[in-house]
Amino acid sequence: MGLYGLVGFYFLPLASFEGDLTRMAKLPESYFGWTKEQPEINPLLMKSAAWRDADVLAIGDSFTMAQVWQTVFAQHGVQVRTETWESIFNFCEDFSDWLYRTGYKGKFIIIESVDKYLEERLSRSVKCGHMRYHPLADLPVGPPPRVLDRNRPTFSGRLSVGIQTKLNTLKYERISSNPNFKAWNGLGEVRMERMANGCELFSHPRCKDVLFYDKDRIEDLGESVLRNMATINARLKNFHVIWAIIPDKSIVYLHPDKQFWNTAERRFQAPNLLKILRDEIAKKTVDLYLPNNTHFSTTGYLILGNALYKRIYQH
């Protein structure tokens, strides 16, 4: 029992993860967890408005469910109703009629999707005739942390995960010390890329090496997606539709030469989020996306919120 306790005391702190990329890769937070302090969010601003009270309807995935970018609107007195793709599911032919029945009186609909899932979501929507709304239970939403306490070990993980994390750490130390090291693809759904300017853009201790989701879409979105966007715009012709298409982390940092966002901006006045994010990288904004995560930092979410607010209220 004593030996097991000693083994657990050594390995279990390695089995707890704050980020989805460190969790999937089984790499230590002490190497790849963010350290730069993030802006503070007032929790009173993180509330989805009732249908009848909302000025703006936001429908999106996990980038919207966090309800962080919506705080920019709340600070300006604009009430946002937040829904998800899981609750709305499709923008069917009768979406406008259904939306009026909810009691929504606003003029604006923000449709948010990360780019890797946009094609499938829109293809599904244009084939849909009748809405089937699936209201989700209110999820507990809290402000993201400004800092993380990495000095207090946790022992709630699995011992086998801690051991695997230690093994991955040892392998990382070995292969990354090679002067010719460029990438590591042996981390399941995660890959590691050595970036020459990584330490200008990320705050984690091993900032020369950056984690990315291996299933990020790096191909450009095509004409069929744009046609489906036009179809949905026509269905929602009585509303002002704002498309918020989030480029995957891999596109923003590694493959930014995509034309979809330029075309969507030209055809639909969609905020050019790829350009906006690349401009932030040019300004050396640190942890725009969190180094241990596929999602934005609080800083990134607020940049998104400001871009959407300006698109609606400051043409």
Protein backbone atom coordinates (compact mmCIF):
# COMPACT_ATOMS: atom_id res chain seq x y z
CA MET A 1 0.00 0.00 0.00
CA GLY A 2 2.85 2.37 0.86
CA LEU A 3 4.61 1.69 -2.45
CA TYR A 4 1.38 2.26 -4.38
CA GLY A 5 0.92 5.55 -2.53
CA LEU A 6 4.40 6.69 -3.44
CA VAL A 7 3.86 5.74 -7.10
CA GLY A 8 0.53 7.56 -7.12
CA PHE A 9 2.01 10.63 -5.48
CA TYR A 10 4.57 10.80 -8.30
CA PHE A 11 2.39 10.01 -11.33
CA LEU A 12 -1.16 11.15 -10.50
CA PRO A 13 -0.44 14.90 -10.76
CA LEU A 14 0.51 14.20 -14.39
CA ALA A 15 -2.95 12.72 -15.08
CA SER A 16 -4.92 15.98 -14.67
CA PHE A 17 -5.33 18.29 -17.65
CA GLU A 18 -6.75 21.76 -18.19
CA GLY A 19 -6.63 21.72 -21.98
CA ASP A 20 -8.17 19.36 -24.50
CA LEU A 21 -4.94 19.07 -26.52
CA THR A 22 -2.77 18.18 -23.52
CA ARG A 23 -5.45 15.69 -22.44
CA MET A 24 -5.62 13.99 -25.84
CA ALA A 25 -1.85 13.99 -26.31
CA LYS A 26 -1.11 13.06 -22.69
CA LEU A 27 1.49 15.77 -22.35
CA PRO A 28 2.09 17.70 -19.12
CA GLU A 29 0.38 21.00 -18.38
CA SER A 30 3.66 22.15 -16.85
CA TYR A 31 5.11 22.17 -20.38
CA PHE A 32 2.15 23.17 -22.56
CA GLY A 33 -0.30 24.98 -20.28
CA TRP A 34 -0.78 28.72 -20.75
CA THR A 35 0.75 31.10 -18.22
CA LYS A 36 -0.16 34.61 -19.42
CA GLU A 37 -2.89 36.28 -17.35
CA GLN A 38 -6.17 36.68 -19.22
CA PRO A 39 -8.79 39.47 -18.98
CA GLU A 40 -11.39 39.18 -16.25
CA ILE A 41 -15.00 38.51 -17.26
CA ASN A 42 -17.92 39.73 -15.18
CA PRO A 43 -20.13 36.65 -14.61
CA LEU A 44 -23.23 38.88 -14.54
CA LEU A 45 -22.70 39.50 -18.26
CA MET A 46 -22.75 35.77 -19.08
CA LYS A 47 -26.46 35.19 -19.35
CA SER A 48 -28.56 34.11 -22.30
CA ALA A 49 -31.56 36.41 -22.79
CA ALA A 50 -35.13 35.15 -22.94
CA TRP A 51 -36.50 34.83 -26.46
CA ARG A 52 -38.88 37.77 -26.05
CA ASP A 53 -36.16 40.06 -24.65
CA ALA A 54 -33.33 39.31 -27.06
CA ASP A 55 -31.95 41.83 -29.54
CA VAL A 56 -29.64 39.30 -31.18
CA LEU A 57 -29.93 35.53 -31.66
CA ALA A 58 -26.61 33.67 -31.62
CA ILE A 59 -26.46 30.07 -32.80
CA GLY A 60 -23.18 28.21 -32.66
CA ASP A 61 -20.96 25.46 -31.34
CA SER A 62 -18.55 25.37 -28.41
CA PHE A 63 -17.09 28.74 -29.38
CA THR A 64 -20.53 30.23 -28.70
CA MET A 65 -21.69 27.96 -25.86
CA ALA A 66 -18.93 29.38 -23.65
CA GLN A 67 -20.87 32.70 -23.72
CA VAL A 68 -17.70 34.76 -23.52
CA TRP A 69 -17.80 36.74 -26.77
CA GLN A 70 -21.42 37.67 -26.01
CA THR A 71 -20.21 39.71 -23.02
CA VAL A 72 -19.02 42.38 -25.47
CA PHE A 73 -22.65 42.86 -26.51
CA ALA A 74 -23.85 42.79 -22.91
CA GLN A 75 -21.40 45.56 -21.99
CA HIS A 76 -23.16 47.72 -24.60
CA GLY A 77 -26.61 46.85 -23.28
CA VAL A 78 -27.41 44.43 -26.13
CA GLN A 79 -29.17 41.23 -25.07
CA VAL A 80 -28.14 38.02 -26.82
CA ARG A 81 -30.11 34.80 -26.90
CA THR A 82 -27.63 31.91 -27.17
CA GLU A 83 -28.59 28.64 -28.85
CA THR A 84 -26.50 25.77 -30.18
CA TRP A 85 -26.36 23.58 -33.26
CA GLU A 86 -27.51 20.76 -30.98
CA SER A 87 -30.70 22.64 -30.07
CA ILE A 88 -31.48 24.25 -33.44
CA PHE A 89 -29.85 21.45 -35.45
CA ASN A 90 -30.88 22.84 -38.86
CA PHE A 91 -31.95 26.06 -40.58
CA CYS A 92 -34.95 24.45 -42.22
CA GLU A 93 -37.32 25.93 -44.81
CA ASP A 94 -39.75 27.03 -42.09
CA PHE A 95 -37.09 28.48 -39.79
CA SER A 96 -38.38 32.06 -40.02
CA ASP A 97 -41.95 31.04 -39.17
CA TRP A 98 -40.69 28.92 -36.28
CA LEU A 99 -38.53 31.76 -35.00
CA TYR A 100 -41.47 34.18 -34.92
CA ARG A 101 -43.40 31.66 -32.83
CA THR A 102 -40.64 31.66 -30.20
CA GLY A 103 -41.41 35.31 -29.48
CA TYR A 104 -38.10 36.57 -30.83
CA LYS A 105 -38.46 40.18 -31.96
CA GLY A 106 -34.85 40.99 -32.81
CA LYS A 107 -33.49 41.66 -36.27
CA PHE A 108 -30.12 39.94 -36.11
CA ILE A 109 -29.03 36.30 -36.29
CA ILE A 110 -25.39 35.37 -35.79
CA ILE A 111 -24.57 31.93 -37.20
CA GLU A 112 -21.26 30.68 -35.80
CA SER A 113 -19.45 27.52 -36.78
CA VAL A 114 -15.89 26.33 -36.70
CA ASP A 115 -14.85 25.72 -40.29
CA LYS A 116 -14.26 21.96 -40.02
CA TYR A 117 -17.98 21.31 -39.40
CA LEU A 118 -19.53 24.04 -41.54
CA GLU A 119 -19.87 22.08 -44.77
CA GLU A 120 -21.77 19.22 -43.16
CA ARG A 121 -23.98 21.52 -41.08
CA LEU A 122 -25.05 23.61 -44.06
CA SER A 123 -25.54 20.63 -46.36
CA ARG A 124 -27.84 19.13 -43.74
CA SER A 125 -29.74 22.39 -43.28
CA VAL A 126 -30.55 23.07 -46.92
CA LYS A 127 -32.21 19.64 -47.19
CA CYS A 128 -34.39 20.23 -44.11
CA GLY A 129 -38.08 21.10 -44.50
CA HIS A 130 -39.41 21.43 -40.95
CA MET A 131 -37.84 22.63 -37.71
CA ARG A 132 -37.51 20.33 -34.72
CA TYR A 133 -36.23 22.36 -31.82
CA HIS A 134 -34.52 20.51 -28.99
CA PRO A 135 -34.14 22.92 -26.07
CA LEU A 136 -31.13 22.12 -23.96
CA ALA A 137 -31.06 22.36 -20.21
CA ASP A 138 -29.30 25.48 -19.02
CA LEU A 139 -25.64 24.64 -18.71
CA PRO A 140 -23.68 26.09 -15.82
CA VAL A 141 -21.59 28.84 -17.39
CA GLY A 142 -18.85 30.57 -15.48
CA PRO A 143 -16.15 33.06 -16.39
CA PRO A 144 -12.92 31.54 -17.67
CA PRO A 145 -10.00 31.79 -15.24
CA ARG A 146 -7.58 34.69 -15.43
CA VAL A 147 -4.71 32.54 -14.20
CA LEU A 148 -4.25 28.87 -13.35
CA ASP A 149 -2.76 27.65 -10.09
CA ARG A 150 -0.19 25.14 -11.29
CA ASN A 151 1.53 24.87 -7.94
CA ARG A 152 -1.24 22.84 -6.31
CA PRO A 153 -1.09 19.19 -7.49
CA THR A 154 -4.27 17.22 -8.05
CA PHE A 155 -4.62 13.48 -7.56
CA SER A 156 -7.98 12.83 -9.22
CA GLY A 157 -6.74 11.30 -12.48
CA ARG A 158 -5.94 7.73 -13.43
CA LEU A 159 -2.57 6.27 -12.57
CA SER A 160 -2.19 4.70 -16.03
CA VAL A 161 -2.73 8.12 -17.65
CA GLY A 162 -0.09 9.66 -15.40
CA ILE A 163 2.39 6.95 -16.34
CA GLN A 164 1.67 7.41 -20.07
CA THR A 165 2.10 11.16 -19.69
CA LYS A 166 5.49 10.60 -18.08
CA LEU A 167 6.53 8.28 -20.91
CA ASN A 168 5.40 10.83 -23.51
CA THR A 169 7.32 13.53 -21.67
CA LEU A 170 10.51 11.49 -21.75
CA LYS A 171 10.07 10.78 -25.45
CA TYR A 172 9.37 14.45 -26.13
CA GLU A 173 12.54 15.47 -24.31
CA ARG A 174 14.52 13.05 -26.42
CA ILE A 175 13.17 13.81 -29.89
CA SER A 176 12.72 17.57 -29.44
CA SER A 177 16.37 18.00 -28.51
CA ASN A 178 17.35 17.02 -32.05
CA PRO A 179 18.39 20.21 -33.92
CA ASN A 180 16.40 18.98 -36.94
CA PHE A 181 13.17 18.44 -34.99
CA LYS A 182 10.17 19.86 -36.88
CA ALA A 183 7.07 17.93 -35.91
CA TRP A 184 5.74 14.99 -33.89
CA ASN A 185 2.75 13.10 -35.24
CA GLY A 186 2.74 10.20 -32.77
CA LEU A 187 0.30 11.73 -30.28
CA GLY A 188 -3.01 10.22 -31.35
CA GLU A 189 -5.34 13.05 -32.41
CA VAL A 190 -2.74 15.72 -31.66
CA ARG A 191 0.33 16.79 -33.55
CA MET A 192 3.16 19.02 -32.46
CA GLU A 193 4.79 21.62 -34.71
CA ARG A 194 7.98 23.52 -34.02
CA MET A 195 7.34 27.19 -34.79
CA ALA A 196 10.20 29.61 -35.21
CA ASN A 197 8.13 32.40 -33.63
CA GLY A 198 6.27 30.21 -31.16
CA CYS A 199 7.59 32.06 -28.12
CA GLU A 200 6.31 35.36 -29.53
CA LEU A 201 2.78 33.96 -29.80
CA PHE A 202 2.31 31.54 -26.90
CA SER A 203 3.01 31.66 -23.18
CA HIS A 204 3.56 27.99 -22.34
CA PRO A 205 7.05 27.05 -21.09
CA ARG A 206 7.90 24.92 -24.15
CA CYS A 207 6.66 27.67 -26.47
CA LYS A 208 8.88 26.73 -29.44
CA ASP A 209 6.66 23.65 -29.85
CA VAL A 210 2.92 24.13 -30.40
CA LEU A 211 0.07 21.62 -30.20
CA PHE A 212 -2.63 21.32 -32.87
CA TYR A 213 -5.65 19.08 -33.34
CA ASP A 214 -4.82 16.55 -36.03
CA LYS A 215 -8.39 16.70 -37.37
CA ASP A 216 -8.29 20.43 -38.03
CA ARG A 217 -9.44 21.24 -41.54
CA ILE A 218 -6.62 22.71 -43.58
CA GLU A 219 -8.35 22.59 -47.00
CA ASP A 220 -10.13 25.70 -48.19
CA LEU A 221 -13.93 25.72 -48.06
CA GLY A 222 -15.44 25.70 -51.53
CA GLU A 223 -18.20 27.08 -53.70
CA SER A 224 -20.80 24.58 -52.47
CA VAL A 225 -20.51 26.03 -48.95
CA LEU A 226 -20.99 29.55 -50.29
CA ARG A 227 -24.07 28.43 -52.26
CA ASN A 228 -25.56 26.89 -49.14
CA MET A 229 -24.86 30.08 -47.19
CA ALA A 230 -26.78 31.98 -49.87
CA THR A 231 -29.69 29.52 -49.61
CA ILE A 232 -29.93 29.99 -45.86
CA ASN A 233 -29.68 33.77 -46.22
CA ALA A 234 -32.65 33.63 -48.58
CA ARG A 235 -34.63 31.60 -46.04
CA LEU A 236 -33.86 34.22 -43.40
CA LYS A 237 -34.49 37.21 -45.65
CA ASN A 238 -36.51 38.99 -42.94
CA PHE A 239 -33.45 39.03 -40.66
CA HIS A 240 -29.92 40.36 -40.86
CA VAL A 241 -27.68 37.27 -40.90
CA ILE A 242 -24.08 37.57 -39.75
CA TRP A 243 -21.84 34.61 -40.50
CA ALA A 244 -19.08 33.97 -37.96
CA ILE A 245 -16.93 31.20 -39.42
CA ILE A 246 -14.09 30.34 -37.04
CA PRO A 247 -10.90 29.15 -38.77
CA ASP A 248 -9.27 26.18 -37.13
CA LYS A 249 -6.14 26.84 -35.09
CA SER A 250 -4.04 25.05 -37.73
CA ILE A 251 -5.28 27.39 -40.47
CA VAL A 252 -4.65 30.54 -38.46
CA TYR A 253 -1.07 29.67 -37.48
CA LEU A 254 0.15 27.29 -40.19
CA HIS A 255 -2.02 27.50 -43.33
CA PRO A 256 -3.43 31.03 -43.60
CA ASP A 257 -3.49 31.28 -47.40
CA LYS A 258 -7.21 30.49 -47.68
CA GLN A 259 -9.61 32.48 -49.86
CA PHE A 260 -12.95 31.41 -48.38
CA TRP A 261 -13.03 34.19 -45.79
CA ASN A 262 -12.25 36.84 -48.43
CA THR A 263 -15.05 35.53 -50.64
CA ALA A 264 -17.57 35.27 -47.78
CA GLU A 265 -16.74 38.84 -46.79
CA ARG A 266 -17.24 40.07 -50.34
CA ARG A 267 -20.49 38.18 -51.00
CA PHE A 268 -22.16 38.24 -47.58
CA GLN A 269 -20.33 40.95 -45.62
CA ALA A 270 -19.23 38.21 -43.21
CA PRO A 271 -16.57 39.34 -40.76
CA ASN A 272 -13.24 38.22 -42.19
CA LEU A 273 -12.17 36.36 -39.08
CA LEU A 274 -9.11 34.81 -40.70
CA LYS A 275 -7.78 38.27 -41.58
CA ILE A 276 -8.72 39.64 -38.15
CA LEU A 277 -6.90 36.81 -36.39
CA ARG A 278 -3.88 37.02 -38.68
CA ASP A 279 -3.68 40.75 -37.96
CA GLU A 280 -3.56 39.88 -34.24
CA ILE A 281 -0.74 37.44 -34.91
CA ALA A 282 1.13 40.15 -36.80
CA LYS A 283 0.74 42.30 -33.68
CA LYS A 284 2.14 39.36 -31.67
CA THR A 285 -0.99 38.85 -29.59
CA VAL A 286 -0.04 36.10 -27.15
CA ASP A 287 -2.30 33.06 -26.64
CA LEU A 288 -4.92 34.09 -29.19
CA TYR A 289 -5.77 30.39 -29.17
CA LEU A 290 -4.72 28.70 -25.95
CA PRO A 291 -1.55 26.61 -26.39
CA ASN A 292 -3.08 23.55 -24.72
CA ASN A 293 -6.49 23.92 -26.36
CA THR A 294 -8.29 24.07 -29.69
CA HIS A 295 -10.32 27.09 -28.54
CA PHE A 296 -9.70 30.78 -28.07
CA SER A 297 -8.34 32.31 -24.93
CA THR A 298 -10.49 34.95 -23.25
CA THR A 299 -8.48 37.46 -25.29
CA GLY A 300 -9.45 35.65 -28.49
CA TYR A 301 -13.12 35.47 -27.55
CA LEU A 302 -13.22 39.20 -26.85
CA ILE A 303 -11.61 39.91 -30.24
CA LEU A 304 -14.36 37.80 -31.82
CA GLY A 305 -17.05 39.62 -29.84
CA ASN A 306 -15.75 43.03 -30.85
CA ALA A 307 -15.63 42.00 -34.52
CA LEU A 308 -19.25 40.81 -34.42
CA TYR A 309 -20.47 43.85 -32.49
CA LYS A 310 -18.82 46.21 -34.96
CA ARG A 311 -20.30 44.29 -37.89
CA ILE A 312 -23.82 44.85 -36.54
CA TYR A 313 -23.73 48.22 -34.84
CA GLN A 314 -20.79 50.07 -36.35
CA HIS A 315 -21.00 49.55 -40.11
